[in-house]
Amino acid sequence: MGKSDNTQEKFKSKIGGQALIEGIMMLGPNKGAMACRLPDGTVDLETWDENNGKNAPWYRKVPLVRGCTGFAISLVKGYKYMMKSAEKQMPEDEEEEKDKKKNDEPAAEAAAESSETADKKKEGSGYDIFMYLGILFGVVMAIGLFVMLPKWIVGLMPSVREHRFLRSLLEGLVKITLFVVYMYLTSLMKDIRRQFMYHGAEHKTIACHEAELPLTVENIRKQSRFHKRCGTSFIFIVLIVSIFVMCFVPFTVTWQRIVASLVLLPLVVGISYECIRLAGNNDNLFTRILSAPGLAMQRITTREPDDSMIEIAIAAMTPCIPSDKEEDKW
């Protein structure tokens, strides 16, 4: 169970994050940051501009739409910085070899510089293609495992094939079971366990910020590693909402239900985002029930971090805190 003291949440922050490979990414209203622990023990920090504050585009504000667009943006950004964090863990000898090659290169003339710039653009373009292919592969795998497989399994049961309400419930239960088993099995891997520790550091740091305490290792260490507005909770809500949405789909043929699930996915994601906002902004019996499965799942997807991981979380979060506190309110 996560460690916690008697500190209370005093406001709900817009700042959210993601655990990376030996690092953490944080996204605030106006700034984003990625902090990583390099192999030599030093902290590497990158920051960039975000636009999720007062002047955020319309698609980040309109109910239902903001959930879909936010999910897509988070998916692309999360994968991008996950890849960058992996690159930063490159062995020192490989980095030294790269530096040596750079030092050995003669000073380029204007034409050569132009050619080099073009090469860099091609390289960047190649990286973007690789990144989007990676995202596409991940999405296809997720669709196969959590959309197609449950419907195919339940479709093999003649007794429930024609009962769409019971069928939708069973499909949802199979999806949830597959998700829990998948996350548990991945949590057994050493590298994933460390990533889940960084995930815990991210949650604790956000909790400390929301309690309006100074971001120190000592203060953060006391916070809970469970958070209602976590991505894990969001995925669980997506699974639950999909059960109810599919109850209204009249199709009983398996491939038709798969197509319907894919067509309705943006709606499911949009509704789920509004649900997690509701759960994050309110504390009553309904929202506690809504949040309970995701919080329980966080016992697998978060672990207690060590102090060095908390330091990374502080480094990533500090640049993301806006000077105007009103902009930081969820």
C-alpha atoms as a PDB file:
ATOM      1  CA  MET A   1       0.000   0.000   0.000  1.00  0.00           C
ATOM      2  CA  GLY A   2       1.276   3.512  -0.818  1.00  0.00           C
ATOM      3  CA  LYS A   3       2.760   5.632   1.922  1.00  0.00           C
ATOM      4  CA  SER A   4       0.707   8.676   2.859  1.00  0.00           C
ATOM      5  CA  ASP A   5       0.543  11.293   5.585  1.00  0.00           C
ATOM      6  CA  ASN A   6      -2.286  13.555   6.642  1.00  0.00           C
ATOM      7  CA  THR A   7      -1.625  16.223   4.019  1.00  0.00           C
ATOM      8  CA  GLN A   8      -4.706  17.129   2.011  1.00  0.00           C
ATOM      9  CA  GLU A   9      -5.151  18.076  -1.609  1.00  0.00           C
ATOM     10  CA  LYS A  10      -5.793  21.838  -1.684  1.00  0.00           C
ATOM     11  CA  PHE A  11      -6.401  22.156  -5.406  1.00  0.00           C
ATOM     12  CA  LYS A  12      -6.409  20.015  -8.541  1.00  0.00           C
ATOM     13  CA  SER A  13      -3.548  20.710 -10.918  1.00  0.00           C
ATOM     14  CA  LYS A  14      -3.611  20.547 -14.711  1.00  0.00           C
ATOM     15  CA  ILE A  15      -0.080  19.169 -14.686  1.00  0.00           C
ATOM     16  CA  GLY A  16       0.123  15.541 -15.731  1.00  0.00           C
ATOM     17  CA  GLY A  17       2.991  13.248 -16.506  1.00  0.00           C
ATOM     18  CA  GLN A  18       4.312   9.991 -17.834  1.00  0.00           C
ATOM     19  CA  ALA A  19       7.059   7.684 -16.675  1.00  0.00           C
ATOM     20  CA  LEU A  20       9.818   7.195 -19.240  1.00  0.00           C
ATOM     21  CA  ILE A  21      12.940   5.056 -19.362  1.00  0.00           C
ATOM     22  CA  GLU A  22      14.963   6.305 -16.373  1.00  0.00           C
ATOM     23  CA  GLY A  23      13.003   9.529 -16.510  1.00  0.00           C
ATOM     24  CA  ILE A  24       9.728  11.416 -16.312  1.00  0.00           C
ATOM     25  CA  MET A  25       7.865  13.729 -18.662  1.00  0.00           C
ATOM     26  CA  MET A  26       5.576  16.411 -17.237  1.00  0.00           C
ATOM     27  CA  LEU A  27       3.107  18.537 -19.193  1.00  0.00           C
ATOM     28  CA  GLY A  28       1.828  21.802 -17.754  1.00  0.00           C
ATOM     29  CA  PRO A  29      -0.489  24.501 -19.127  1.00  0.00           C
ATOM     30  CA  ASN A  30       2.333  26.422 -20.802  1.00  0.00           C
ATOM     31  CA  LYS A  31       5.460  24.277 -20.494  1.00  0.00           C
ATOM     32  CA  GLY A  32       6.445  20.664 -20.920  1.00  0.00           C
ATOM     33  CA  ALA A  33       9.600  19.062 -19.540  1.00  0.00           C
ATOM     34  CA  MET A  34      11.467  15.764 -19.665  1.00  0.00           C
ATOM     35  CA  ALA A  35      14.036  14.890 -17.024  1.00  0.00           C
ATOM     36  CA  CYS A  36      16.196  11.767 -17.309  1.00  0.00           C
ATOM     37  CA  ARG A  37      18.912  10.193 -15.196  1.00  0.00           C
ATOM     38  CA  LEU A  38      21.850   9.646 -17.522  1.00  0.00           C
ATOM     39  CA  PRO A  39      24.143   6.617 -17.213  1.00  0.00           C
ATOM     40  CA  ASP A  40      26.798   8.808 -15.519  1.00  0.00           C
ATOM     41  CA  GLY A  41      24.302   9.778 -12.800  1.00  0.00           C
ATOM     42  CA  THR A  42      23.681  13.350 -13.947  1.00  0.00           C
ATOM     43  CA  VAL A  43      20.233  14.782 -14.651  1.00  0.00           C
ATOM     44  CA  ASP A  44      19.367  15.775 -18.219  1.00  0.00           C
ATOM     45  CA  LEU A  45      16.475  18.245 -18.602  1.00  0.00           C
ATOM     46  CA  GLU A  46      14.629  19.309 -21.753  1.00  0.00           C
ATOM     47  CA  THR A  47      11.797  21.849 -21.816  1.00  0.00           C
ATOM     48  CA  TRP A  48       9.417  23.043 -24.528  1.00  0.00           C
ATOM     49  CA  ASP A  49       6.325  25.218 -24.930  1.00  0.00           C
ATOM     50  CA  GLU A  50       2.836  23.809 -24.418  1.00  0.00           C
ATOM     51  CA  ASN A  51      -0.530  25.375 -25.229  1.00  0.00           C
ATOM     52  CA  ASN A  52      -3.013  23.968 -22.757  1.00  0.00           C
ATOM     53  CA  GLY A  53      -3.717  27.130 -20.770  1.00  0.00           C
ATOM     54  CA  LYS A  54      -6.045  30.069 -21.315  1.00  0.00           C
ATOM     55  CA  ASN A  55      -5.237  30.280 -25.013  1.00  0.00           C
ATOM     56  CA  ALA A  56      -5.591  26.565 -25.741  1.00  0.00           C
ATOM     57  CA  PRO A  57      -7.206  25.747 -29.112  1.00  0.00           C
ATOM     58  CA  TRP A  58     -10.936  24.961 -29.217  1.00  0.00           C
ATOM     59  CA  TYR A  59     -10.411  21.212 -29.577  1.00  0.00           C
ATOM     60  CA  ARG A  60      -8.801  21.140 -26.126  1.00  0.00           C
ATOM     61  CA  LYS A  61     -11.880  22.756 -24.549  1.00  0.00           C
ATOM     62  CA  VAL A  62     -15.000  21.280 -26.190  1.00  0.00           C
ATOM     63  CA  PRO A  63     -16.488  18.364 -24.181  1.00  0.00           C
ATOM     64  CA  LEU A  64     -16.107  14.919 -25.826  1.00  0.00           C
ATOM     65  CA  VAL A  65     -13.809  16.400 -28.510  1.00  0.00           C
ATOM     66  CA  ARG A  66     -11.127  17.341 -25.967  1.00  0.00           C
ATOM     67  CA  GLY A  67     -10.930  13.761 -24.735  1.00  0.00           C
ATOM     68  CA  CYS A  68     -10.294  12.291 -28.198  1.00  0.00           C
ATOM     69  CA  THR A  69      -7.789  14.920 -29.324  1.00  0.00           C
ATOM     70  CA  GLY A  70      -6.042  14.920 -25.955  1.00  0.00           C
ATOM     71  CA  PHE A  71      -5.667  11.141 -26.049  1.00  0.00           C
ATOM     72  CA  ALA A  72      -4.212  11.212 -29.584  1.00  0.00           C
ATOM     73  CA  ILE A  73      -1.799  14.040 -28.724  1.00  0.00           C
ATOM     74  CA  SER A  74      -0.707  12.274 -25.530  1.00  0.00           C
ATOM     75  CA  LEU A  75      -0.137   9.037 -27.429  1.00  0.00           C
ATOM     76  CA  VAL A  76       2.146  10.670 -29.997  1.00  0.00           C
ATOM     77  CA  LYS A  77       3.970  12.842 -27.481  1.00  0.00           C
ATOM     78  CA  GLY A  78       4.375  10.008 -24.994  1.00  0.00           C
ATOM     79  CA  TYR A  79       5.896   7.683 -27.585  1.00  0.00           C
ATOM     80  CA  LYS A  80       8.190  10.449 -28.879  1.00  0.00           C
ATOM     81  CA  TYR A  81       9.679  11.184 -25.481  1.00  0.00           C
ATOM     82  CA  MET A  82       9.802   7.523 -24.535  1.00  0.00           C
ATOM     83  CA  MET A  83      12.068   7.000 -27.559  1.00  0.00           C
ATOM     84  CA  LYS A  84      14.157  10.044 -26.647  1.00  0.00           C
ATOM     85  CA  SER A  85      14.599   8.809 -23.073  1.00  0.00           C
ATOM     86  CA  ALA A  86      15.759   5.441 -24.429  1.00  0.00           C
ATOM     87  CA  GLU A  87      18.341   7.189 -26.620  1.00  0.00           C
ATOM     88  CA  LYS A  88      19.719   8.987 -23.579  1.00  0.00           C
ATOM     89  CA  GLN A  89      20.557   5.637 -22.012  1.00  0.00           C
ATOM     90  CA  MET A  90      23.005   4.911 -24.831  1.00  0.00           C
ATOM     91  CA  PRO A  91      26.263   3.416 -23.478  1.00  0.00           C
ATOM     92  CA  GLU A  92      29.054   5.946 -22.973  1.00  0.00           C
ATOM     93  CA  ASP A  93      31.393   4.246 -25.431  1.00  0.00           C
ATOM     94  CA  GLU A  94      28.853   4.711 -28.223  1.00  0.00           C
ATOM     95  CA  GLU A  95      28.435   8.385 -27.287  1.00  0.00           C
ATOM     96  CA  GLU A  96      32.201   8.894 -27.225  1.00  0.00           C
ATOM     97  CA  GLU A  97      32.478   7.282 -30.651  1.00  0.00           C
ATOM     98  CA  LYS A  98      29.874   9.701 -31.976  1.00  0.00           C
ATOM     99  CA  ASP A  99      31.695  12.679 -30.424  1.00  0.00           C
ATOM    100  CA  LYS A 100      34.996  11.493 -31.894  1.00  0.00           C
ATOM    101  CA  LYS A 101      33.496  11.290 -35.357  1.00  0.00           C
ATOM    102  CA  LYS A 102      32.131  14.803 -34.979  1.00  0.00           C
ATOM    103  CA  ASN A 103      35.524  16.168 -33.870  1.00  0.00           C
ATOM    104  CA  ASP A 104      37.317  14.445 -36.753  1.00  0.00           C
ATOM    105  CA  GLU A 105      35.080  16.033 -39.361  1.00  0.00           C
ATOM    106  CA  PRO A 106      36.660  19.044 -41.096  1.00  0.00           C
ATOM    107  CA  ALA A 107      34.910  22.390 -41.132  1.00  0.00           C
ATOM    108  CA  ALA A 108      32.301  22.254 -43.870  1.00  0.00           C
ATOM    109  CA  GLU A 109      32.008  24.865 -46.562  1.00  0.00           C
ATOM    110  CA  ALA A 110      28.728  26.570 -47.427  1.00  0.00           C
ATOM    111  CA  ALA A 111      27.698  23.935 -49.964  1.00  0.00           C
ATOM    112  CA  ALA A 112      28.595  21.134 -47.598  1.00  0.00           C
ATOM    113  CA  GLU A 113      26.619  22.803 -44.803  1.00  0.00           C
ATOM    114  CA  SER A 114      23.623  22.977 -47.082  1.00  0.00           C
ATOM    115  CA  SER A 115      23.987  19.292 -47.861  1.00  0.00           C
ATOM    116  CA  GLU A 116      24.345  18.462 -44.159  1.00  0.00           C
ATOM    117  CA  THR A 117      21.180  20.420 -43.353  1.00  0.00           C
ATOM    118  CA  ALA A 118      19.322  18.474 -46.013  1.00  0.00           C
ATOM    119  CA  ASP A 119      20.656  15.212 -44.568  1.00  0.00           C
ATOM    120  CA  LYS A 120      19.475  16.231 -41.111  1.00  0.00           C
ATOM    121  CA  LYS A 121      16.037  16.997 -42.459  1.00  0.00           C
ATOM    122  CA  LYS A 122      15.958  13.561 -44.089  1.00  0.00           C
ATOM    123  CA  GLU A 123      17.122  11.980 -40.845  1.00  0.00           C
ATOM    124  CA  GLY A 124      14.446  13.842 -38.888  1.00  0.00           C
ATOM    125  CA  SER A 125      11.873  12.815 -41.433  1.00  0.00           C
ATOM    126  CA  GLY A 126      13.061   9.188 -41.166  1.00  0.00           C
ATOM    127  CA  TYR A 127      12.790   9.369 -37.351  1.00  0.00           C
ATOM    128  CA  ASP A 128       9.241  10.742 -37.638  1.00  0.00           C
ATOM    129  CA  ILE A 129       8.275   7.914 -39.984  1.00  0.00           C
ATOM    130  CA  PHE A 130       9.775   5.349 -37.593  1.00  0.00           C
ATOM    131  CA  MET A 131       7.960   6.969 -34.668  1.00  0.00           C
ATOM    132  CA  TYR A 132       4.569   6.945 -36.377  1.00  0.00           C
ATOM    133  CA  LEU A 133       5.093   3.368 -37.528  1.00  0.00           C
ATOM    134  CA  GLY A 134       5.836   2.425 -33.921  1.00  0.00           C
ATOM    135  CA  ILE A 135       2.652   4.130 -32.749  1.00  0.00           C
ATOM    136  CA  LEU A 136       0.661   2.427 -35.512  1.00  0.00           C
ATOM    137  CA  PHE A 137       2.085  -0.963 -34.548  1.00  0.00           C
ATOM    138  CA  GLY A 138       1.190  -0.362 -30.888  1.00  0.00           C
ATOM    139  CA  VAL A 139      -2.365   0.707 -31.775  1.00  0.00           C
ATOM    140  CA  VAL A 140      -2.853  -2.335 -34.022  1.00  0.00           C
ATOM    141  CA  MET A 141      -1.588  -4.641 -31.252  1.00  0.00           C
ATOM    142  CA  ALA A 142      -3.925  -2.985 -28.720  1.00  0.00           C
ATOM    143  CA  ILE A 143      -6.896  -3.323 -31.094  1.00  0.00           C
ATOM    144  CA  GLY A 144      -6.078  -6.974 -31.707  1.00  0.00           C
ATOM    145  CA  LEU A 145      -5.688  -7.800 -28.018  1.00  0.00           C
ATOM    146  CA  PHE A 146      -8.396  -5.663 -26.418  1.00  0.00           C
ATOM    147  CA  VAL A 147     -11.002  -5.275 -29.192  1.00  0.00           C
ATOM    148  CA  MET A 148     -10.865  -8.223 -31.585  1.00  0.00           C
ATOM    149  CA  LEU A 149      -9.789 -11.041 -29.247  1.00  0.00           C
ATOM    150  CA  PRO A 150     -12.517 -10.523 -26.560  1.00  0.00           C
ATOM    151  CA  LYS A 151     -15.249 -10.338 -29.206  1.00  0.00           C
ATOM    152  CA  TRP A 152     -13.917 -13.432 -30.945  1.00  0.00           C
ATOM    153  CA  ILE A 153     -13.749 -15.386 -27.656  1.00  0.00           C
ATOM    154  CA  VAL A 154     -17.305 -14.448 -26.618  1.00  0.00           C
ATOM    155  CA  GLY A 155     -18.503 -15.039 -30.186  1.00  0.00           C
ATOM    156  CA  LEU A 156     -17.554 -18.719 -29.739  1.00  0.00           C
ATOM    157  CA  MET A 157     -20.220 -19.079 -27.009  1.00  0.00           C
ATOM    158  CA  PRO A 158     -23.505 -20.042 -28.749  1.00  0.00           C
ATOM    159  CA  SER A 159     -25.612 -19.468 -25.616  1.00  0.00           C
ATOM    160  CA  VAL A 160     -24.801 -15.730 -25.435  1.00  0.00           C
ATOM    161  CA  ARG A 161     -24.157 -14.952 -29.099  1.00  0.00           C
ATOM    162  CA  GLU A 162     -27.620 -13.448 -29.725  1.00  0.00           C
ATOM    163  CA  HIS A 163     -27.997 -11.619 -26.379  1.00  0.00           C
ATOM    164  CA  ARG A 164     -26.269  -8.299 -26.933  1.00  0.00           C
ATOM    165  CA  PHE A 165     -26.473  -7.062 -23.314  1.00  0.00           C
ATOM    166  CA  LEU A 166     -24.994 -10.228 -21.838  1.00  0.00           C
ATOM    167  CA  ARG A 167     -22.532 -10.436 -24.717  1.00  0.00           C
ATOM    168  CA  SER A 168     -21.362  -6.845 -24.168  1.00  0.00           C
ATOM    169  CA  LEU A 169     -20.870  -7.550 -20.461  1.00  0.00           C
ATOM    170  CA  LEU A 170     -18.848 -10.712 -21.117  1.00  0.00           C
ATOM    171  CA  GLU A 171     -16.742  -8.977 -23.782  1.00  0.00           C
ATOM    172  CA  GLY A 172     -15.986  -6.228 -21.273  1.00  0.00           C
ATOM    173  CA  LEU A 173     -15.040  -8.709 -18.555  1.00  0.00           C
ATOM    174  CA  VAL A 174     -12.701 -10.533 -20.959  1.00  0.00           C
ATOM    175  CA  LYS A 175     -11.123  -7.183 -21.935  1.00  0.00           C
ATOM    176  CA  ILE A 176     -10.585  -6.184 -18.323  1.00  0.00           C
ATOM    177  CA  THR A 177      -9.137  -9.620 -17.478  1.00  0.00           C
ATOM    178  CA  LEU A 178      -6.716  -9.447 -20.426  1.00  0.00           C
ATOM    179  CA  PHE A 179      -5.667  -5.930 -19.429  1.00  0.00           C
ATOM    180  CA  VAL A 180      -5.005  -6.861 -15.797  1.00  0.00           C
ATOM    181  CA  VAL A 181      -3.085 -10.019 -16.748  1.00  0.00           C
ATOM    182  CA  TYR A 182      -1.065  -8.126 -19.376  1.00  0.00           C
ATOM    183  CA  MET A 183      -0.089  -5.361 -16.933  1.00  0.00           C
ATOM    184  CA  TYR A 184       0.771  -7.880 -14.206  1.00  0.00           C
ATOM    185  CA  LEU A 185       2.992  -9.940 -16.504  1.00  0.00           C
ATOM    186  CA  THR A 186       4.805  -6.839 -17.804  1.00  0.00           C
ATOM    187  CA  SER A 187       5.311  -5.658 -14.212  1.00  0.00           C
ATOM    188  CA  LEU A 188       7.457  -8.760 -13.605  1.00  0.00           C
ATOM    189  CA  MET A 189      10.106  -7.401 -15.988  1.00  0.00           C
ATOM    190  CA  LYS A 190      12.954  -5.574 -14.252  1.00  0.00           C
ATOM    191  CA  ASP A 191      12.958  -2.540 -16.580  1.00  0.00           C
ATOM    192  CA  ILE A 192       9.179  -2.166 -16.366  1.00  0.00           C
ATOM    193  CA  ARG A 193       9.334  -2.341 -12.556  1.00  0.00           C
ATOM    194  CA  ARG A 194      11.740   0.592 -12.597  1.00  0.00           C
ATOM    195  CA  GLN A 195       9.438   2.472 -14.951  1.00  0.00           C
ATOM    196  CA  PHE A 196       6.548   1.834 -12.556  1.00  0.00           C
ATOM    197  CA  MET A 197       8.713   3.268  -9.747  1.00  0.00           C
ATOM    198  CA  TYR A 198       9.151   6.437 -11.813  1.00  0.00           C
ATOM    199  CA  HIS A 199       5.379   6.376 -12.315  1.00  0.00           C
ATOM    200  CA  GLY A 200       5.011   6.374  -8.535  1.00  0.00           C
ATOM    201  CA  ALA A 201       7.446   9.300  -8.258  1.00  0.00           C
ATOM    202  CA  GLU A 202       5.388  11.244 -10.803  1.00  0.00           C
ATOM    203  CA  HIS A 203       2.150  10.714  -8.833  1.00  0.00           C
ATOM    204  CA  LYS A 204       3.744  11.575  -5.496  1.00  0.00           C
ATOM    205  CA  THR A 205       5.236  14.789  -6.869  1.00  0.00           C
ATOM    206  CA  ILE A 206       1.922  15.927  -8.348  1.00  0.00           C
ATOM    207  CA  ALA A 207       0.214  15.100  -5.029  1.00  0.00           C
ATOM    208  CA  CYS A 208       2.804  17.190  -3.164  1.00  0.00           C
ATOM    209  CA  HIS A 209       2.214  20.095  -5.549  1.00  0.00           C
ATOM    210  CA  GLU A 210      -1.563  19.801  -5.096  1.00  0.00           C
ATOM    211  CA  ALA A 211      -1.082  19.829  -1.329  1.00  0.00           C
ATOM    212  CA  GLU A 212       0.797  23.135  -1.822  1.00  0.00           C
ATOM    213  CA  LEU A 213       3.915  21.833  -0.120  1.00  0.00           C
ATOM    214  CA  PRO A 214       7.470  22.673  -1.238  1.00  0.00           C
ATOM    215  CA  LEU A 215       8.749  20.136  -3.762  1.00  0.00           C
ATOM    216  CA  THR A 216      11.368  18.451  -1.619  1.00  0.00           C
ATOM    217  CA  VAL A 217      12.302  14.776  -1.514  1.00  0.00           C
ATOM    218  CA  GLU A 218      11.176  14.566   2.119  1.00  0.00           C
ATOM    219  CA  ASN A 219       7.734  16.072   1.430  1.00  0.00           C
ATOM    220  CA  ILE A 220       7.157  14.012  -1.720  1.00  0.00           C
ATOM    221  CA  ARG A 221       8.226  10.746  -0.105  1.00  0.00           C
ATOM    222  CA  LYS A 222       5.246  11.025   2.313  1.00  0.00           C
ATOM    223  CA  GLN A 223       2.612  11.351  -0.416  1.00  0.00           C
ATOM    224  CA  SER A 224       0.399   8.597  -1.822  1.00  0.00           C
ATOM    225  CA  ARG A 225       1.443   7.019  -5.100  1.00  0.00           C
ATOM    226  CA  PHE A 226      -2.205   6.603  -6.144  1.00  0.00           C
ATOM    227  CA  HIS A 227      -3.936   9.338  -8.139  1.00  0.00           C
ATOM    228  CA  LYS A 228      -7.515   9.482  -9.464  1.00  0.00           C
ATOM    229  CA  ARG A 229      -6.578  11.300 -12.674  1.00  0.00           C
ATOM    230  CA  CYS A 230      -3.931   8.778 -13.738  1.00  0.00           C
ATOM    231  CA  GLY A 231      -3.765   7.315 -17.237  1.00  0.00           C
ATOM    232  CA  THR A 232      -4.277   3.840 -15.764  1.00  0.00           C
ATOM    233  CA  SER A 233      -7.596   4.975 -14.290  1.00  0.00           C
ATOM    234  CA  PHE A 234      -8.503   6.506 -17.647  1.00  0.00           C
ATOM    235  CA  ILE A 235      -7.899   3.212 -19.471  1.00  0.00           C
ATOM    236  CA  PHE A 236     -10.042   1.365 -16.937  1.00  0.00           C
ATOM    237  CA  ILE A 237     -12.861   3.870 -17.413  1.00  0.00           C
ATOM    238  CA  VAL A 238     -12.551   3.414 -21.201  1.00  0.00           C
ATOM    239  CA  LEU A 239     -13.020  -0.342 -20.713  1.00  0.00           C
ATOM    240  CA  ILE A 240     -16.061   0.185 -18.482  1.00  0.00           C
ATOM    241  CA  VAL A 241     -17.683   2.816 -20.738  1.00  0.00           C
ATOM    242  CA  SER A 242     -17.175   0.557 -23.774  1.00  0.00           C
ATOM    243  CA  ILE A 243     -19.349  -2.098 -22.096  1.00  0.00           C
ATOM    244  CA  PHE A 244     -22.281   0.302 -21.761  1.00  0.00           C
ATOM    245  CA  VAL A 245     -21.852   1.755 -25.264  1.00  0.00           C
ATOM    246  CA  MET A 246     -21.729  -1.698 -26.868  1.00  0.00           C
ATOM    247  CA  CYS A 247     -25.015  -2.613 -25.147  1.00  0.00           C
ATOM    248  CA  PHE A 248     -26.735  -0.276 -27.613  1.00  0.00           C
ATOM    249  CA  VAL A 249     -25.120  -1.877 -30.665  1.00  0.00           C
ATOM    250  CA  PRO A 250     -27.671  -4.253 -32.225  1.00  0.00           C
ATOM    251  CA  PHE A 251     -25.154  -6.353 -34.180  1.00  0.00           C
ATOM    252  CA  THR A 252     -24.535  -9.941 -33.116  1.00  0.00           C
ATOM    253  CA  VAL A 253     -22.085 -10.995 -35.846  1.00  0.00           C
ATOM    254  CA  THR A 254     -18.535 -10.829 -34.467  1.00  0.00           C
ATOM    255  CA  TRP A 255     -16.894  -8.893 -37.304  1.00  0.00           C
ATOM    256  CA  GLN A 256     -19.743  -6.346 -37.279  1.00  0.00           C
ATOM    257  CA  ARG A 257     -19.267  -5.780 -33.554  1.00  0.00           C
ATOM    258  CA  ILE A 258     -15.529  -5.298 -34.092  1.00  0.00           C
ATOM    259  CA  VAL A 259     -16.181  -2.650 -36.764  1.00  0.00           C
ATOM    260  CA  ALA A 260     -18.790  -0.966 -34.526  1.00  0.00           C
ATOM    261  CA  SER A 261     -16.267  -0.864 -31.641  1.00  0.00           C
ATOM    262  CA  LEU A 262     -13.686   0.856 -33.830  1.00  0.00           C
ATOM    263  CA  VAL A 263     -16.204   3.377 -35.199  1.00  0.00           C
ATOM    264  CA  LEU A 264     -17.470   4.178 -31.694  1.00  0.00           C
ATOM    265  CA  LEU A 265     -13.997   4.337 -30.109  1.00  0.00           C
ATOM    266  CA  PRO A 266     -13.716   8.165 -30.362  1.00  0.00           C
ATOM    267  CA  LEU A 267     -17.083   8.489 -28.603  1.00  0.00           C
ATOM    268  CA  VAL A 268     -16.017   6.015 -25.892  1.00  0.00           C
ATOM    269  CA  VAL A 269     -12.741   7.892 -25.323  1.00  0.00           C
ATOM    270  CA  GLY A 270     -14.574  11.237 -25.248  1.00  0.00           C
ATOM    271  CA  ILE A 271     -17.119  10.010 -22.681  1.00  0.00           C
ATOM    272  CA  SER A 272     -14.354   8.378 -20.601  1.00  0.00           C
ATOM    273  CA  TYR A 273     -12.395  11.639 -20.434  1.00  0.00           C
ATOM    274  CA  GLU A 274     -15.455  13.507 -19.174  1.00  0.00           C
ATOM    275  CA  CYS A 275     -15.965  10.732 -16.581  1.00  0.00           C
ATOM    276  CA  ILE A 276     -12.405  11.012 -15.300  1.00  0.00           C
ATOM    277  CA  ARG A 277     -12.806  14.805 -15.097  1.00  0.00           C
ATOM    278  CA  LEU A 278     -15.967  14.262 -13.090  1.00  0.00           C
ATOM    279  CA  ALA A 279     -14.224  11.775 -10.811  1.00  0.00           C
ATOM    280  CA  GLY A 280     -11.233  14.090 -10.432  1.00  0.00           C
ATOM    281  CA  ASN A 281     -13.354  17.105  -9.522  1.00  0.00           C
ATOM    282  CA  ASN A 282     -15.793  15.438  -7.125  1.00  0.00           C
ATOM    283  CA  ASP A 283     -15.684  13.158  -4.129  1.00  0.00           C
ATOM    284  CA  ASN A 284     -18.935  11.275  -3.641  1.00  0.00           C
ATOM    285  CA  LEU A 285     -20.132   7.678  -3.677  1.00  0.00           C
ATOM    286  CA  PHE A 286     -20.527   7.556  -7.466  1.00  0.00           C
ATOM    287  CA  THR A 287     -17.086   9.010  -8.243  1.00  0.00           C
ATOM    288  CA  ARG A 288     -15.440   6.767  -5.628  1.00  0.00           C
ATOM    289  CA  ILE A 289     -16.991   3.711  -7.288  1.00  0.00           C
ATOM    290  CA  LEU A 290     -15.938   5.041 -10.711  1.00  0.00           C
ATOM    291  CA  SER A 291     -12.344   5.598  -9.548  1.00  0.00           C
ATOM    292  CA  ALA A 292     -11.966   2.398  -7.518  1.00  0.00           C
ATOM    293  CA  PRO A 293     -10.917  -0.021 -10.330  1.00  0.00           C
ATOM    294  CA  GLY A 294      -8.258   2.353 -11.691  1.00  0.00           C
ATOM    295  CA  LEU A 295      -6.874   3.078  -8.225  1.00  0.00           C
ATOM    296  CA  ALA A 296      -6.724  -0.656  -7.523  1.00  0.00           C
ATOM    297  CA  MET A 297      -4.898  -1.192 -10.831  1.00  0.00           C
ATOM    298  CA  GLN A 298      -2.315   1.399  -9.790  1.00  0.00           C
ATOM    299  CA  ARG A 299      -1.112  -1.091  -7.183  1.00  0.00           C
ATOM    300  CA  ILE A 300       0.429  -2.847 -10.188  1.00  0.00           C
ATOM    301  CA  THR A 301       1.360   0.123 -12.403  1.00  0.00           C
ATOM    302  CA  THR A 302       3.005   2.225  -9.678  1.00  0.00           C
ATOM    303  CA  ARG A 303       5.717   1.295  -7.183  1.00  0.00           C
ATOM    304  CA  GLU A 304       7.342   3.195  -4.335  1.00  0.00           C
ATOM    305  CA  PRO A 305      10.239   5.196  -5.853  1.00  0.00           C
ATOM    306  CA  ASP A 306      13.678   5.783  -4.415  1.00  0.00           C
ATOM    307  CA  ASP A 307      14.953   9.304  -3.661  1.00  0.00           C
ATOM    308  CA  SER A 308      16.897   9.576  -6.911  1.00  0.00           C
ATOM    309  CA  MET A 309      13.673   9.023  -8.867  1.00  0.00           C
ATOM    310  CA  ILE A 310      11.883  11.665  -6.823  1.00  0.00           C
ATOM    311  CA  GLU A 311      14.682  14.094  -7.720  1.00  0.00           C
ATOM    312  CA  ILE A 312      13.970  13.409 -11.403  1.00  0.00           C
ATOM    313  CA  ALA A 313      10.256  14.072 -10.846  1.00  0.00           C
ATOM    314  CA  ILE A 314      11.048  17.401  -9.151  1.00  0.00           C
ATOM    315  CA  ALA A 315      13.331  18.400 -12.033  1.00  0.00           C
ATOM    316  CA  ALA A 316      10.619  17.562 -14.595  1.00  0.00           C
ATOM    317  CA  MET A 317       7.785  19.269 -12.733  1.00  0.00           C
ATOM    318  CA  THR A 318       9.410  22.517 -11.648  1.00  0.00           C
ATOM    319  CA  PRO A 319       9.505  24.158 -15.131  1.00  0.00           C
ATOM    320  CA  CYS A 320       5.868  23.160 -15.754  1.00  0.00           C
ATOM    321  CA  ILE A 321       4.387  25.086 -12.808  1.00  0.00           C
ATOM    322  CA  PRO A 322       2.882  28.317 -14.201  1.00  0.00           C
ATOM    323  CA  SER A 323       3.413  31.627 -12.426  1.00  0.00           C
ATOM    324  CA  ASP A 324      -0.361  32.241 -12.554  1.00  0.00           C
ATOM    325  CA  LYS A 325      -1.945  29.651 -10.292  1.00  0.00           C
ATOM    326  CA  GLU A 326      -5.351  30.104 -11.987  1.00  0.00           C
ATOM    327  CA  GLU A 327      -3.871  28.579 -15.148  1.00  0.00           C
ATOM    328  CA  ASP A 328      -2.876  25.482 -13.185  1.00  0.00           C
ATOM    329  CA  LYS A 329      -6.368  24.641 -11.956  1.00  0.00           C
ATOM    330  CA  TRP A 330      -7.870  21.435 -13.438  1.00  0.00           C
END
